[in-house]
Protein backbone atom coordinates (compact mmCIF):
# COMPACT_ATOMS: atom_id res chain seq x y z
CA UNK A 1 37.45 71.91 -48.00
CA UNK A 2 38.24 75.55 -47.28
CA UNK A 3 35.77 77.67 -45.34
CA UNK A 4 34.80 80.67 -47.44
CA UNK A 5 34.95 84.11 -45.83
CA UNK A 6 36.32 82.70 -42.57
CA UNK A 7 39.62 83.26 -40.80
CA UNK A 8 41.37 81.58 -37.89
CA UNK A 9 42.52 83.67 -34.95
CA UNK A 10 43.72 82.96 -31.45
CA UNK A 11 41.47 84.37 -28.71
CA UNK A 12 42.66 84.02 -25.11
CA UNK A 13 44.89 81.10 -26.07
CA UNK A 14 42.28 79.16 -28.10
CA UNK A 15 42.00 79.01 -31.86
CA UNK A 16 38.60 80.03 -33.21
CA UNK A 17 37.13 80.53 -36.67
CA UNK A 18 35.34 83.82 -37.32
CA UNK A 19 33.99 85.77 -40.28
CA UNK A 20 36.62 87.73 -42.13
CA UNK A 21 36.26 91.51 -42.31
CA UNK A 22 35.01 91.60 -38.71
CA UNK A 23 36.06 94.49 -36.48
CA UNK A 24 37.34 94.13 -32.97
CA UNK A 25 34.18 95.89 -31.76
CA UNK A 26 31.97 93.27 -33.46
CA UNK A 27 34.02 90.47 -31.91
CA UNK A 28 33.64 92.01 -28.44
CA UNK A 29 29.86 92.30 -28.96
CA UNK A 30 29.63 88.73 -30.27
CA UNK A 31 31.20 87.37 -27.08
CA UNK A 32 29.28 89.82 -24.84
CA UNK A 33 32.42 91.22 -23.27
CA UNK A 34 31.76 93.95 -20.65
CA UNK A 35 33.94 96.55 -22.38
CA UNK A 36 34.38 98.78 -19.31
CA UNK A 37 35.82 95.91 -17.26
CA UNK A 38 38.46 94.58 -19.66
CA UNK A 39 41.77 95.37 -21.32
CA UNK A 40 42.22 94.19 -24.91
CA UNK A 41 45.52 93.23 -26.48
CA UNK A 42 45.94 92.65 -30.21
CA UNK A 43 49.20 90.98 -31.26
CA UNK A 44 50.86 91.97 -27.97
CA UNK A 45 49.78 95.63 -28.19
CA UNK A 46 47.17 97.18 -25.89
CA UNK A 47 44.24 98.53 -27.91
CA UNK A 48 42.58 101.90 -27.35
CA UNK A 49 38.93 100.90 -26.74
CA UNK A 50 37.72 104.08 -28.46
CA UNK A 51 39.12 102.70 -31.74
CA UNK A 52 37.60 99.19 -31.63
CA UNK A 53 35.23 99.95 -34.50
CA UNK A 54 38.16 100.87 -36.77
CA UNK A 55 40.34 97.82 -36.11
CA UNK A 56 39.78 94.96 -38.53
CA UNK A 57 40.81 91.50 -37.40
CA UNK A 58 43.13 89.63 -39.74
CA UNK A 59 44.05 85.98 -40.22
CA UNK A 60 46.26 84.60 -37.43
CA UNK A 61 45.79 87.63 -35.15
CA UNK A 62 46.29 86.93 -31.45
CA UNK A 63 43.78 88.63 -29.17
CA UNK A 64 43.83 88.60 -25.39
CA UNK A 65 40.92 89.96 -23.37
CA UNK A 66 41.75 90.42 -19.70
CA UNK A 67 39.02 91.04 -17.12
CA UNK A 68 39.73 93.35 -14.18
CA UNK A 69 39.01 91.83 -10.80
CA UNK A 70 38.75 93.96 -7.69
CA UNK A 71 39.54 92.84 -4.22
CA UNK A 72 40.60 94.12 -0.91
């Protein structure tokens, strides 16, 4: 049975099912990602965080969210 209005994407190496027509900004909010402390890559391209609300996620997209860690 096919899930209606759902798509499968790969997020940080794991397959997940999400609503279709979701923006990258909505996905970031859903997972409570601290936007100022991460870099986001969509299909091997770094995303400008100012454009997250305009980027729609598509079926089979690969998204990597990398957290910055400080040290010294």
